Amino acid sequence: PVANATITPGPPALQVRAGDPVTLRCSVQVGSAPVTFTWLCDGREVAQGPLLDLGDIDVGHSGTYQCVATNQLDEHRVFRALSPELALEVTPRAHWGTVAAGVLGSLLFLVLLAGVIRGCHWWHCMGSTRTGEWGAPVTAPLFPKPPGPPTPSHTLRYPHRAPPEPKSPPVENPVATYVELLGPNGQPWEPSDIYEIL
C-alpha cells in the first residue's frame, strides 16, 4: 500500500511573488506501482499526476495544497496516502505606478531638503555679512561726519545728555597747556580729523 506521501517544496508554507514560476512535486516513500496522484487546492481537485505546474502564478493561486497518492491491490482494495498540507502564499508585485510614485516622492523630498540646506546657508552668509567675519560685529561710526569742511572744536558734546554740572566754580582766566591727541594708529590727530560730534 502507498504511504508517506510528501510535497516538494515541503510544507508547511511556501511564500512566492506573483509572476514566479512554481512547480510542486508529489512522491511516496512506499507504494507498489502503478501509483496515481491527485492534487487538491482548498479541498477541491485541481489536477492529476505527480507534478503540479502552476506556471507564472498570480494571487489567485494562493491556497492550501495537498496531494493524494493512490494504488490498489484489486478492484475491492484501494489504498490512499494523503500528504501534509502546503500553504501557498502569493504576494503581488509592485506596479510601475507605485514604484514611480515612490521614486517621485523620494526625489521631491531630496529637492526640498536641498532647498532647505541652501536657504540655511544663504541665511548664515547674510548673517556673517551683517556681523562681519567670524561673527565679530561690524563697527560703524555712531555719528557720521557732518557735510562740508571740517570744523575744529575743543568741546565734546554728548547727544541726548545734558552736560555735567561743574562741581567747582570755573577758573577765571584758564591757562591752556599743550595737549596731544593720539589717533588709532598711534599718530597725533590732525586738526582736520577733529570734528564736533553732535
N, C-alpha and C. Protein backbone atom coordinates (compact mmCIF):
# COMPACT_ATOMS: atom_id res chain seq x y z
N PRO A 1 0.83 -1.20 0.00
CA PRO A 1 0.00 0.00 0.00
C PRO A 1 0.88 1.27 0.00
N VAL A 2 0.38 2.34 -0.60
CA VAL A 2 1.12 3.61 -0.61
C VAL A 2 1.13 4.20 0.80
N ALA A 3 2.23 4.90 1.10
CA ALA A 3 2.37 5.51 2.42
C ALA A 3 3.38 6.65 2.33
N ASN A 4 3.25 7.57 3.31
CA ASN A 4 4.19 8.69 3.44
C ASN A 4 4.27 9.53 2.16
N ALA A 5 3.13 10.05 1.75
CA ALA A 5 3.13 10.97 0.61
C ALA A 5 3.66 12.33 1.06
N THR A 6 4.52 12.95 0.25
CA THR A 6 5.13 14.24 0.58
C THR A 6 5.06 15.16 -0.64
N ILE A 7 5.12 16.47 -0.35
CA ILE A 7 5.13 17.50 -1.38
C ILE A 7 6.47 18.23 -1.32
N THR A 8 7.03 18.47 -2.49
CA THR A 8 8.25 19.27 -2.61
C THR A 8 7.92 20.49 -3.48
N PRO A 9 8.27 21.71 -3.05
CA PRO A 9 8.87 22.11 -1.77
C PRO A 9 7.98 21.74 -0.60
N GLY A 10 8.65 21.45 0.53
CA GLY A 10 7.94 20.87 1.66
C GLY A 10 7.06 21.82 2.41
N PRO A 11 6.03 21.28 3.07
CA PRO A 11 5.17 22.06 3.95
C PRO A 11 5.98 22.58 5.14
N PRO A 12 5.45 23.48 5.96
CA PRO A 12 4.02 23.83 5.99
C PRO A 12 3.64 25.04 5.14
N ALA A 13 4.62 25.84 4.68
CA ALA A 13 4.25 27.07 3.98
C ALA A 13 5.27 27.37 2.90
N LEU A 14 4.79 28.05 1.85
CA LEU A 14 5.65 28.48 0.75
C LEU A 14 5.20 29.87 0.35
N GLN A 15 6.12 30.83 0.41
CA GLN A 15 5.81 32.20 0.04
C GLN A 15 6.55 32.56 -1.24
N VAL A 16 5.81 33.00 -2.23
CA VAL A 16 6.39 33.38 -3.52
C VAL A 16 5.75 34.71 -3.95
N ARG A 17 6.33 35.31 -4.99
CA ARG A 17 5.80 36.57 -5.52
C ARG A 17 5.09 36.30 -6.84
N ALA A 18 4.11 37.09 -7.12
CA ALA A 18 3.34 36.93 -8.34
C ALA A 18 4.27 37.04 -9.56
N GLY A 19 4.07 36.11 -10.51
CA GLY A 19 4.91 36.07 -11.70
C GLY A 19 6.03 35.06 -11.63
N ASP A 20 6.31 34.52 -10.43
CA ASP A 20 7.35 33.49 -10.30
C ASP A 20 6.81 32.14 -10.78
N PRO A 21 7.66 31.35 -11.45
CA PRO A 21 7.21 30.00 -11.84
C PRO A 21 7.26 29.06 -10.64
N VAL A 22 6.21 28.28 -10.46
CA VAL A 22 6.12 27.36 -9.33
C VAL A 22 5.67 26.00 -9.84
N THR A 23 6.41 24.97 -9.42
CA THR A 23 6.06 23.58 -9.74
C THR A 23 6.13 22.77 -8.46
N LEU A 24 5.06 22.05 -8.15
CA LEU A 24 5.00 21.19 -6.96
C LEU A 24 5.13 19.73 -7.40
N ARG A 25 5.84 18.96 -6.58
CA ARG A 25 6.04 17.54 -6.89
C ARG A 25 5.52 16.71 -5.72
N CYS A 26 4.81 15.63 -6.05
CA CYS A 26 4.31 14.72 -5.04
C CYS A 26 4.99 13.35 -5.20
N SER A 27 5.37 12.74 -4.08
CA SER A 27 6.03 11.43 -4.13
C SER A 27 5.65 10.64 -2.88
N VAL A 28 5.87 9.33 -2.96
CA VAL A 28 5.60 8.45 -1.82
C VAL A 28 6.86 7.65 -1.51
N GLN A 29 7.05 7.36 -0.24
CA GLN A 29 8.20 6.55 0.16
C GLN A 29 7.92 5.06 -0.04
N VAL A 30 6.66 4.66 0.07
CA VAL A 30 6.28 3.24 -0.05
C VAL A 30 5.07 3.18 -0.97
N GLY A 31 5.03 2.22 -1.86
CA GLY A 31 3.87 2.03 -2.71
C GLY A 31 4.22 1.26 -3.97
N SER A 32 3.48 0.20 -4.24
CA SER A 32 3.69 -0.60 -5.44
C SER A 32 3.03 0.09 -6.63
N ALA A 33 3.70 0.05 -7.75
CA ALA A 33 3.15 0.65 -8.97
C ALA A 33 1.97 -0.21 -9.45
N PRO A 34 1.08 0.41 -10.15
CA PRO A 34 1.04 1.83 -10.52
C PRO A 34 0.45 2.69 -9.41
N VAL A 35 1.03 3.89 -9.21
CA VAL A 35 0.57 4.86 -8.20
C VAL A 35 0.04 6.08 -8.95
N THR A 36 -1.15 6.49 -8.59
CA THR A 36 -1.74 7.70 -9.20
C THR A 36 -1.74 8.83 -8.15
N PHE A 37 -1.67 10.06 -8.66
CA PHE A 37 -1.60 11.24 -7.78
C PHE A 37 -2.71 12.21 -8.17
N THR A 38 -3.36 12.73 -7.15
CA THR A 38 -4.41 13.71 -7.35
C THR A 38 -4.09 14.94 -6.48
N TRP A 39 -4.20 16.12 -7.10
CA TRP A 39 -3.89 17.37 -6.39
C TRP A 39 -5.18 18.05 -5.96
N LEU A 40 -5.17 18.52 -4.69
CA LEU A 40 -6.30 19.23 -4.13
C LEU A 40 -5.86 20.65 -3.73
N CYS A 41 -6.72 21.63 -3.99
CA CYS A 41 -6.48 23.01 -3.54
C CYS A 41 -7.71 23.44 -2.75
N ASP A 42 -7.51 23.68 -1.46
CA ASP A 42 -8.61 24.02 -0.56
C ASP A 42 -9.70 22.95 -0.62
N GLY A 43 -9.28 21.70 -0.74
CA GLY A 43 -10.22 20.58 -0.73
C GLY A 43 -10.83 20.26 -2.06
N ARG A 44 -10.52 21.02 -3.13
CA ARG A 44 -11.09 20.77 -4.46
C ARG A 44 -10.03 20.18 -5.37
N GLU A 45 -10.42 19.21 -6.16
CA GLU A 45 -9.47 18.58 -7.08
C GLU A 45 -9.15 19.56 -8.21
N VAL A 46 -7.81 19.72 -8.47
CA VAL A 46 -7.37 20.68 -9.48
C VAL A 46 -6.52 20.04 -10.57
N ALA A 47 -5.89 18.88 -10.30
CA ALA A 47 -5.01 18.29 -11.32
C ALA A 47 -4.71 16.85 -10.97
N GLN A 48 -4.16 16.12 -11.96
CA GLN A 48 -3.72 14.73 -11.80
C GLN A 48 -2.24 14.63 -12.17
N GLY A 49 -1.55 13.66 -11.56
CA GLY A 49 -0.16 13.42 -11.90
C GLY A 49 0.78 13.83 -10.78
N PRO A 50 2.03 13.36 -10.82
CA PRO A 50 2.98 13.65 -9.73
C PRO A 50 3.43 15.12 -9.71
N LEU A 51 3.34 15.82 -10.86
CA LEU A 51 3.78 17.21 -10.92
C LEU A 51 2.57 18.13 -11.07
N LEU A 52 2.60 19.24 -10.34
CA LEU A 52 1.60 20.28 -10.48
C LEU A 52 2.33 21.55 -10.92
N ASP A 53 2.25 21.85 -12.22
CA ASP A 53 2.94 23.01 -12.78
C ASP A 53 1.97 24.20 -12.80
N LEU A 54 2.21 25.14 -11.90
CA LEU A 54 1.34 26.32 -11.82
C LEU A 54 1.80 27.43 -12.76
N GLY A 55 2.97 27.30 -13.36
CA GLY A 55 3.48 28.31 -14.28
C GLY A 55 3.79 29.60 -13.54
N ASP A 56 3.58 30.72 -14.23
CA ASP A 56 3.79 32.03 -13.62
C ASP A 56 2.55 32.36 -12.80
N ILE A 57 2.66 32.16 -11.52
CA ILE A 57 1.48 32.23 -10.68
C ILE A 57 1.06 33.66 -10.42
N ASP A 58 -0.17 33.81 -9.96
CA ASP A 58 -0.68 35.10 -9.53
C ASP A 58 -1.34 34.92 -8.17
N VAL A 59 -1.94 36.00 -7.67
CA VAL A 59 -2.52 35.95 -6.33
C VAL A 59 -3.64 34.92 -6.24
N GLY A 60 -4.30 34.65 -7.35
CA GLY A 60 -5.38 33.66 -7.34
C GLY A 60 -4.93 32.24 -7.06
N HIS A 61 -3.63 31.94 -7.17
CA HIS A 61 -3.13 30.59 -6.88
C HIS A 61 -2.91 30.37 -5.39
N SER A 62 -3.08 31.38 -4.57
CA SER A 62 -2.88 31.21 -3.13
C SER A 62 -3.92 30.23 -2.59
N GLY A 63 -3.50 29.41 -1.63
CA GLY A 63 -4.40 28.43 -1.04
C GLY A 63 -3.63 27.32 -0.35
N THR A 64 -4.39 26.30 0.10
CA THR A 64 -3.82 25.15 0.79
C THR A 64 -3.83 23.96 -0.16
N TYR A 65 -2.64 23.40 -0.44
CA TYR A 65 -2.49 22.31 -1.41
C TYR A 65 -2.19 21.01 -0.68
N GLN A 66 -2.76 19.93 -1.23
CA GLN A 66 -2.49 18.57 -0.75
C GLN A 66 -2.40 17.63 -1.94
N CYS A 67 -1.66 16.56 -1.70
CA CYS A 67 -1.52 15.52 -2.73
C CYS A 67 -2.08 14.20 -2.17
N VAL A 68 -2.87 13.50 -2.99
CA VAL A 68 -3.41 12.19 -2.61
C VAL A 68 -2.80 11.15 -3.53
N ALA A 69 -2.02 10.22 -2.94
CA ALA A 69 -1.42 9.12 -3.70
C ALA A 69 -2.30 7.88 -3.54
N THR A 70 -2.51 7.15 -4.66
CA THR A 70 -3.43 6.01 -4.63
C THR A 70 -2.82 4.83 -5.39
N ASN A 71 -2.95 3.61 -4.85
CA ASN A 71 -2.72 2.38 -5.60
C ASN A 71 -3.72 1.33 -5.09
N GLN A 72 -3.80 0.21 -5.77
CA GLN A 72 -4.80 -0.79 -5.38
C GLN A 72 -4.27 -2.20 -5.64
N LEU A 73 -4.77 -3.09 -4.80
CA LEU A 73 -4.39 -4.49 -4.94
C LEU A 73 -5.36 -5.20 -5.89
N ASP A 74 -6.61 -4.86 -5.82
CA ASP A 74 -7.61 -5.38 -6.75
C ASP A 74 -8.75 -4.39 -6.78
N GLU A 75 -9.85 -4.79 -7.38
CA GLU A 75 -10.96 -3.85 -7.53
C GLU A 75 -11.58 -3.46 -6.20
N HIS A 76 -11.40 -4.30 -5.20
CA HIS A 76 -12.07 -4.06 -3.93
C HIS A 76 -11.15 -3.44 -2.88
N ARG A 77 -9.83 -3.50 -3.11
CA ARG A 77 -8.91 -2.97 -2.11
C ARG A 77 -8.07 -1.83 -2.73
N VAL A 78 -8.44 -0.55 -2.37
CA VAL A 78 -7.76 0.64 -2.86
C VAL A 78 -7.12 1.34 -1.66
N PHE A 79 -5.86 1.71 -1.84
CA PHE A 79 -5.10 2.35 -0.74
C PHE A 79 -4.81 3.81 -1.10
N ARG A 80 -4.92 4.67 -0.09
CA ARG A 80 -4.67 6.10 -0.30
C ARG A 80 -3.72 6.62 0.77
N ALA A 81 -2.88 7.59 0.36
CA ALA A 81 -1.99 8.28 1.30
C ALA A 81 -2.13 9.78 1.04
N LEU A 82 -2.46 10.54 2.09
CA LEU A 82 -2.68 11.98 1.97
C LEU A 82 -1.45 12.71 2.51
N SER A 83 -0.93 13.61 1.71
CA SER A 83 0.25 14.37 2.12
C SER A 83 -0.12 15.47 3.13
N PRO A 84 0.87 15.99 3.87
CA PRO A 84 0.59 17.15 4.72
C PRO A 84 0.18 18.35 3.87
N GLU A 85 -0.51 19.30 4.48
CA GLU A 85 -0.97 20.49 3.76
C GLU A 85 0.19 21.45 3.51
N LEU A 86 0.15 22.07 2.34
CA LEU A 86 1.13 23.10 1.98
C LEU A 86 0.37 24.41 1.74
N ALA A 87 0.64 25.41 2.57
CA ALA A 87 0.00 26.72 2.42
C ALA A 87 0.84 27.56 1.46
N LEU A 88 0.28 27.83 0.29
CA LEU A 88 0.96 28.63 -0.72
C LEU A 88 0.45 30.06 -0.63
N GLU A 89 1.37 31.01 -0.38
CA GLU A 89 1.00 32.42 -0.27
C GLU A 89 1.69 33.19 -1.39
N VAL A 90 0.91 33.85 -2.21
CA VAL A 90 1.42 34.63 -3.35
C VAL A 90 1.24 36.11 -3.03
N THR A 91 2.35 36.84 -2.99
CA THR A 91 2.30 38.28 -2.74
C THR A 91 2.39 39.02 -4.06
N PRO A 92 1.57 40.06 -4.24
CA PRO A 92 1.60 40.79 -5.52
C PRO A 92 2.87 41.61 -5.66
N ARG A 93 3.32 41.75 -6.90
CA ARG A 93 4.46 42.60 -7.19
C ARG A 93 4.00 44.06 -7.23
N ALA A 94 4.92 44.96 -6.95
CA ALA A 94 4.60 46.39 -7.01
C ALA A 94 4.40 46.80 -8.46
N HIS A 95 3.35 47.56 -8.70
CA HIS A 95 3.08 48.05 -10.05
C HIS A 95 4.01 49.21 -10.38
N TRP A 96 4.16 49.44 -11.67
CA TRP A 96 5.05 50.53 -12.10
C TRP A 96 4.57 51.86 -11.57
N GLY A 97 3.25 52.04 -11.45
CA GLY A 97 2.75 53.30 -10.92
C GLY A 97 3.17 53.52 -9.48
N THR A 98 3.09 52.43 -8.68
CA THR A 98 3.51 52.54 -7.29
C THR A 98 4.99 52.83 -7.19
N VAL A 99 5.78 52.13 -8.01
CA VAL A 99 7.23 52.35 -7.99
C VAL A 99 7.55 53.78 -8.41
N ALA A 100 6.88 54.24 -9.50
CA ALA A 100 7.14 55.61 -9.96
C ALA A 100 6.75 56.63 -8.91
N ALA A 101 5.61 56.39 -8.23
CA ALA A 101 5.20 57.33 -7.17
C ALA A 101 6.22 57.35 -6.05
N GLY A 102 6.75 56.19 -5.68
CA GLY A 102 7.76 56.15 -4.64
C GLY A 102 9.03 56.89 -5.03
N VAL A 103 9.47 56.67 -6.29
CA VAL A 103 10.68 57.36 -6.77
C VAL A 103 10.45 58.86 -6.83
N LEU A 104 9.26 59.28 -7.32
CA LEU A 104 8.96 60.70 -7.41
C LEU A 104 8.91 61.34 -6.03
N GLY A 105 8.32 60.63 -5.06
CA GLY A 105 8.28 61.16 -3.71
C GLY A 105 9.67 61.32 -3.11
N SER A 106 10.54 60.34 -3.37
CA SER A 106 11.91 60.44 -2.86
C SER A 106 12.65 61.62 -3.50
N LEU A 107 12.47 61.81 -4.82
CA LEU A 107 13.13 62.93 -5.49
C LEU A 107 12.62 64.27 -4.96
N LEU A 108 11.30 64.36 -4.75
CA LEU A 108 10.74 65.60 -4.22
C LEU A 108 11.29 65.90 -2.84
N PHE A 109 11.41 64.86 -2.02
CA PHE A 109 11.98 65.05 -0.68
C PHE A 109 13.42 65.55 -0.76
N LEU A 110 14.21 64.98 -1.68
CA LEU A 110 15.60 65.40 -1.81
C LEU A 110 15.69 66.85 -2.29
N VAL A 111 14.80 67.24 -3.23
CA VAL A 111 14.81 68.63 -3.71
C VAL A 111 14.46 69.58 -2.58
N LEU A 112 13.44 69.24 -1.79
CA LEU A 112 13.07 70.10 -0.66
C LEU A 112 14.20 70.18 0.36
N LEU A 113 14.86 69.05 0.62
CA LEU A 113 15.96 69.05 1.57
C LEU A 113 17.10 69.93 1.08
N ALA A 114 17.41 69.83 -0.23
CA ALA A 114 18.47 70.68 -0.79
C ALA A 114 18.09 72.15 -0.69
N GLY A 115 16.82 72.49 -0.93
CA GLY A 115 16.39 73.87 -0.81
C GLY A 115 16.52 74.40 0.61
N VAL A 116 16.16 73.56 1.59
CA VAL A 116 16.29 73.98 2.99
C VAL A 116 17.75 74.21 3.34
N ILE A 117 18.64 73.31 2.91
CA ILE A 117 20.06 73.47 3.21
C ILE A 117 20.60 74.73 2.55
N ARG A 118 20.21 74.97 1.29
CA ARG A 118 20.68 76.17 0.61
C ARG A 118 20.16 77.43 1.28
N GLY A 119 18.90 77.42 1.72
CA GLY A 119 18.35 78.58 2.42
C GLY A 119 19.07 78.85 3.73
N CYS A 120 19.36 77.78 4.49
CA CYS A 120 20.10 77.96 5.74
C CYS A 120 21.50 78.51 5.47
N HIS A 121 22.15 78.02 4.41
CA HIS A 121 23.47 78.51 4.06
C HIS A 121 23.41 79.99 3.68
N TRP A 122 22.38 80.37 2.90
CA TRP A 122 22.24 81.76 2.49
C TRP A 122 22.01 82.64 3.70
N TRP A 123 21.14 82.18 4.62
CA TRP A 123 20.86 82.96 5.81
C TRP A 123 22.11 83.11 6.66
N HIS A 124 22.90 82.06 6.77
CA HIS A 124 24.14 82.13 7.54
C HIS A 124 25.11 83.12 6.90
N CYS A 125 25.20 83.09 5.56
CA CYS A 125 26.10 84.03 4.87
C CYS A 125 25.64 85.46 5.07
N MET A 126 24.31 85.69 5.01
CA MET A 126 23.81 87.04 5.23
C MET A 126 24.09 87.49 6.65
N GLY A 127 23.95 86.55 7.60
CA GLY A 127 24.28 86.90 8.97
C GLY A 127 25.74 87.21 9.14
N SER A 128 26.61 86.46 8.45
CA SER A 128 28.04 86.73 8.53
C SER A 128 28.36 88.08 7.91
N THR A 129 27.63 88.45 6.84
CA THR A 129 27.87 89.75 6.22
C THR A 129 27.47 90.87 7.16
N ARG A 130 26.37 90.67 7.91
CA ARG A 130 25.94 91.71 8.82
C ARG A 130 26.87 91.83 10.03
N THR A 131 27.38 90.72 10.51
CA THR A 131 28.19 90.75 11.73
C THR A 131 29.67 90.77 11.45
N GLY A 132 30.07 90.60 10.18
CA GLY A 132 31.49 90.60 9.88
C GLY A 132 32.06 89.20 9.95
N GLU A 133 33.28 89.07 9.57
CA GLU A 133 33.92 87.77 9.53
C GLU A 133 34.09 87.23 10.94
N TRP A 134 33.90 85.90 11.10
CA TRP A 134 33.99 85.18 12.36
C TRP A 134 32.98 85.68 13.38
N GLY A 135 31.88 86.28 12.88
CA GLY A 135 30.83 86.68 13.79
C GLY A 135 31.12 87.95 14.55
N ALA A 136 32.23 88.66 14.29
CA ALA A 136 32.53 89.90 15.00
C ALA A 136 31.64 91.01 14.48
N PRO A 137 31.05 91.80 15.36
CA PRO A 137 30.16 92.87 14.87
C PRO A 137 30.93 93.90 14.09
N VAL A 138 30.28 94.41 13.05
CA VAL A 138 30.89 95.45 12.23
C VAL A 138 30.72 96.78 12.94
N THR A 139 31.81 97.46 13.17
CA THR A 139 31.75 98.75 13.84
C THR A 139 31.55 99.83 12.82
N ALA A 140 30.54 100.63 13.02
CA ALA A 140 30.25 101.74 12.14
C ALA A 140 30.21 103.00 12.98
N PRO A 141 30.57 104.12 12.44
CA PRO A 141 30.53 105.36 13.23
C PRO A 141 29.10 105.66 13.67
N LEU A 142 28.98 105.90 14.99
CA LEU A 142 27.65 106.21 15.50
C LEU A 142 27.19 107.58 15.05
N PHE A 143 28.13 108.49 14.86
CA PHE A 143 27.80 109.85 14.46
C PHE A 143 28.56 110.16 13.19
N PRO A 144 27.91 110.17 12.08
CA PRO A 144 28.64 110.43 10.83
C PRO A 144 29.18 111.84 10.80
N LYS A 145 30.23 112.00 10.00
CA LYS A 145 30.83 113.32 9.86
C LYS A 145 29.84 114.25 9.18
N PRO A 146 29.74 115.47 9.68
CA PRO A 146 28.81 116.40 9.03
C PRO A 146 29.35 116.80 7.68
N PRO A 147 28.43 117.08 6.75
CA PRO A 147 28.89 117.50 5.43
C PRO A 147 29.59 118.86 5.50
N GLY A 148 30.41 119.10 4.52
CA GLY A 148 31.11 120.37 4.46
C GLY A 148 32.51 120.26 5.01
N PRO A 149 33.20 121.35 5.05
CA PRO A 149 34.59 121.33 5.54
C PRO A 149 34.64 121.02 7.02
N PRO A 150 35.69 120.36 7.47
CA PRO A 150 35.81 120.05 8.90
C PRO A 150 35.91 121.31 9.72
N THR A 151 35.26 121.27 10.87
CA THR A 151 35.27 122.40 11.79
C THR A 151 35.98 121.99 13.06
N PRO A 152 37.17 122.53 13.34
CA PRO A 152 37.87 122.17 14.58
C PRO A 152 37.05 122.61 15.78
N SER A 153 37.13 121.89 16.81
CA SER A 153 36.39 122.21 18.03
C SER A 153 37.15 121.66 19.21
N HIS A 154 37.08 122.36 20.29
CA HIS A 154 37.74 121.90 21.51
C HIS A 154 36.74 121.39 22.52
N THR A 155 35.46 121.32 22.13
CA THR A 155 34.43 120.84 23.06
C THR A 155 33.88 119.53 22.54
N LEU A 156 33.50 118.68 23.47
CA LEU A 156 32.91 117.37 23.15
C LEU A 156 31.55 117.33 23.78
N ARG A 157 30.53 117.21 22.96
CA ARG A 157 29.17 117.20 23.47
C ARG A 157 28.58 115.80 23.29
N TYR A 158 27.81 115.35 24.24
CA TYR A 158 27.17 114.05 24.21
C TYR A 158 25.74 114.23 23.76
N PRO A 159 25.29 113.45 22.80
CA PRO A 159 23.90 113.60 22.36
C PRO A 159 22.93 113.09 23.40
N HIS A 160 21.75 113.74 23.44
CA HIS A 160 20.66 113.33 24.33
C HIS A 160 21.06 113.39 25.79
N ARG A 161 22.09 114.15 26.14
CA ARG A 161 22.50 114.26 27.52
C ARG A 161 22.84 115.70 27.82
N ALA A 162 22.44 116.12 28.98
CA ALA A 162 22.83 117.46 29.38
C ALA A 162 24.28 117.44 29.84
N PRO A 163 25.02 118.46 29.57
CA PRO A 163 26.41 118.47 30.03
C PRO A 163 26.46 118.40 31.54
N PRO A 164 27.47 117.74 32.07
CA PRO A 164 27.55 117.61 33.53
C PRO A 164 27.74 118.97 34.19
N GLU A 165 27.10 119.06 35.35
CA GLU A 165 27.22 120.29 36.13
C GLU A 165 28.61 120.38 36.73
N PRO A 166 29.22 121.54 36.63
CA PRO A 166 30.55 121.67 37.26
C PRO A 166 30.44 121.60 38.77
N LYS A 167 31.34 120.88 39.40
CA LYS A 167 31.34 120.74 40.85
C LYS A 167 32.05 121.89 41.55
N SER A 168 32.87 122.58 40.79
CA SER A 168 33.57 123.73 41.39
C SER A 168 33.42 124.92 40.45
N PRO A 169 33.48 126.07 40.97
CA PRO A 169 33.34 127.24 40.11
C PRO A 169 34.42 127.26 39.06
N PRO A 170 34.06 127.72 37.88
CA PRO A 170 35.06 127.74 36.83
C PRO A 170 36.22 128.65 37.19
N VAL A 171 37.35 128.25 36.73
CA VAL A 171 38.57 129.02 36.99
C VAL A 171 38.59 130.20 36.05
N GLU A 172 38.81 131.36 36.64
CA GLU A 172 38.91 132.54 35.79
C GLU A 172 40.27 132.58 35.14
N ASN A 173 40.26 133.01 33.95
CA ASN A 173 41.50 133.12 33.17
C ASN A 173 42.23 131.76 33.11
N PRO A 174 41.56 130.70 32.54
CA PRO A 174 42.27 129.40 32.48
C PRO A 174 43.48 129.48 31.56
N VAL A 175 44.44 128.70 31.96
CA VAL A 175 45.68 128.66 31.17
C VAL A 175 45.68 127.37 30.37
N ALA A 176 45.81 127.47 29.07
CA ALA A 176 45.85 126.28 28.21
C ALA A 176 47.25 125.74 28.14
N THR A 177 47.34 124.45 28.23
CA THR A 177 48.64 123.78 28.09
C THR A 177 48.63 122.96 26.82
N TYR A 178 49.75 122.44 26.48
CA TYR A 178 49.89 121.66 25.26
C TYR A 178 49.20 120.31 25.45
N VAL A 179 48.35 119.96 24.53
CA VAL A 179 47.65 118.69 24.57
C VAL A 179 47.86 117.99 23.24
N GLU A 180 48.21 116.72 23.30
CA GLU A 180 48.42 115.96 22.07
C GLU A 180 47.47 114.77 22.09
N LEU A 181 46.63 114.67 21.06
CA LEU A 181 45.68 113.57 20.93
C LEU A 181 46.24 112.55 19.94
N LEU A 182 46.27 111.31 20.36
CA LEU A 182 46.79 110.26 19.50
C LEU A 182 45.63 109.52 18.85
N GLY A 183 45.79 109.23 17.59
CA GLY A 183 44.77 108.51 16.86
C GLY A 183 44.91 107.01 17.01
N PRO A 184 44.08 106.22 16.27
CA PRO A 184 44.12 104.76 16.38
C PRO A 184 45.46 104.17 15.97
N ASN A 185 46.16 104.81 15.04
CA ASN A 185 47.44 104.25 14.59
C ASN A 185 48.61 104.76 15.41
N GLY A 186 48.32 105.48 16.51
CA GLY A 186 49.41 105.96 17.35
C GLY A 186 49.99 107.27 16.91
N GLN A 187 49.47 107.84 15.85
CA GLN A 187 49.96 109.12 15.34
C GLN A 187 49.08 110.25 15.88
N PRO A 188 49.65 111.44 16.02
CA PRO A 188 48.84 112.56 16.52
C PRO A 188 47.71 112.88 15.55
N TRP A 189 46.59 113.32 16.11
CA TRP A 189 45.47 113.73 15.29
C TRP A 189 45.82 115.02 14.55
N GLU A 190 45.36 115.11 13.35
CA GLU A 190 45.47 116.34 12.59
C GLU A 190 44.23 117.20 12.89
N PRO A 191 44.38 118.52 12.81
CA PRO A 191 43.19 119.36 13.07
C PRO A 191 42.03 119.01 12.16
N SER A 192 42.36 118.58 10.95
CA SER A 192 41.25 118.26 10.03
C SER A 192 40.50 117.01 10.44
N ASP A 193 41.07 116.21 11.35
CA ASP A 193 40.41 114.97 11.78
C ASP A 193 39.54 115.17 12.98
N ILE A 194 39.56 116.34 13.58
CA ILE A 194 38.79 116.57 14.81
C ILE A 194 37.50 117.29 14.41
N TYR A 195 36.41 116.68 14.78
CA TYR A 195 35.11 117.23 14.45
C TYR A 195 34.30 117.39 15.73
N GLU A 196 33.40 118.26 15.66
CA GLU A 196 32.46 118.39 16.76
C GLU A 196 31.35 117.36 16.56
N ILE A 197 31.16 116.53 17.57
CA ILE A 197 30.16 115.46 17.49
C ILE A 197 28.85 115.99 18.03
N LEU A 198 27.85 115.96 17.19
CA LEU A 198 26.55 116.46 17.60
C LEU A 198 25.65 115.32 17.98
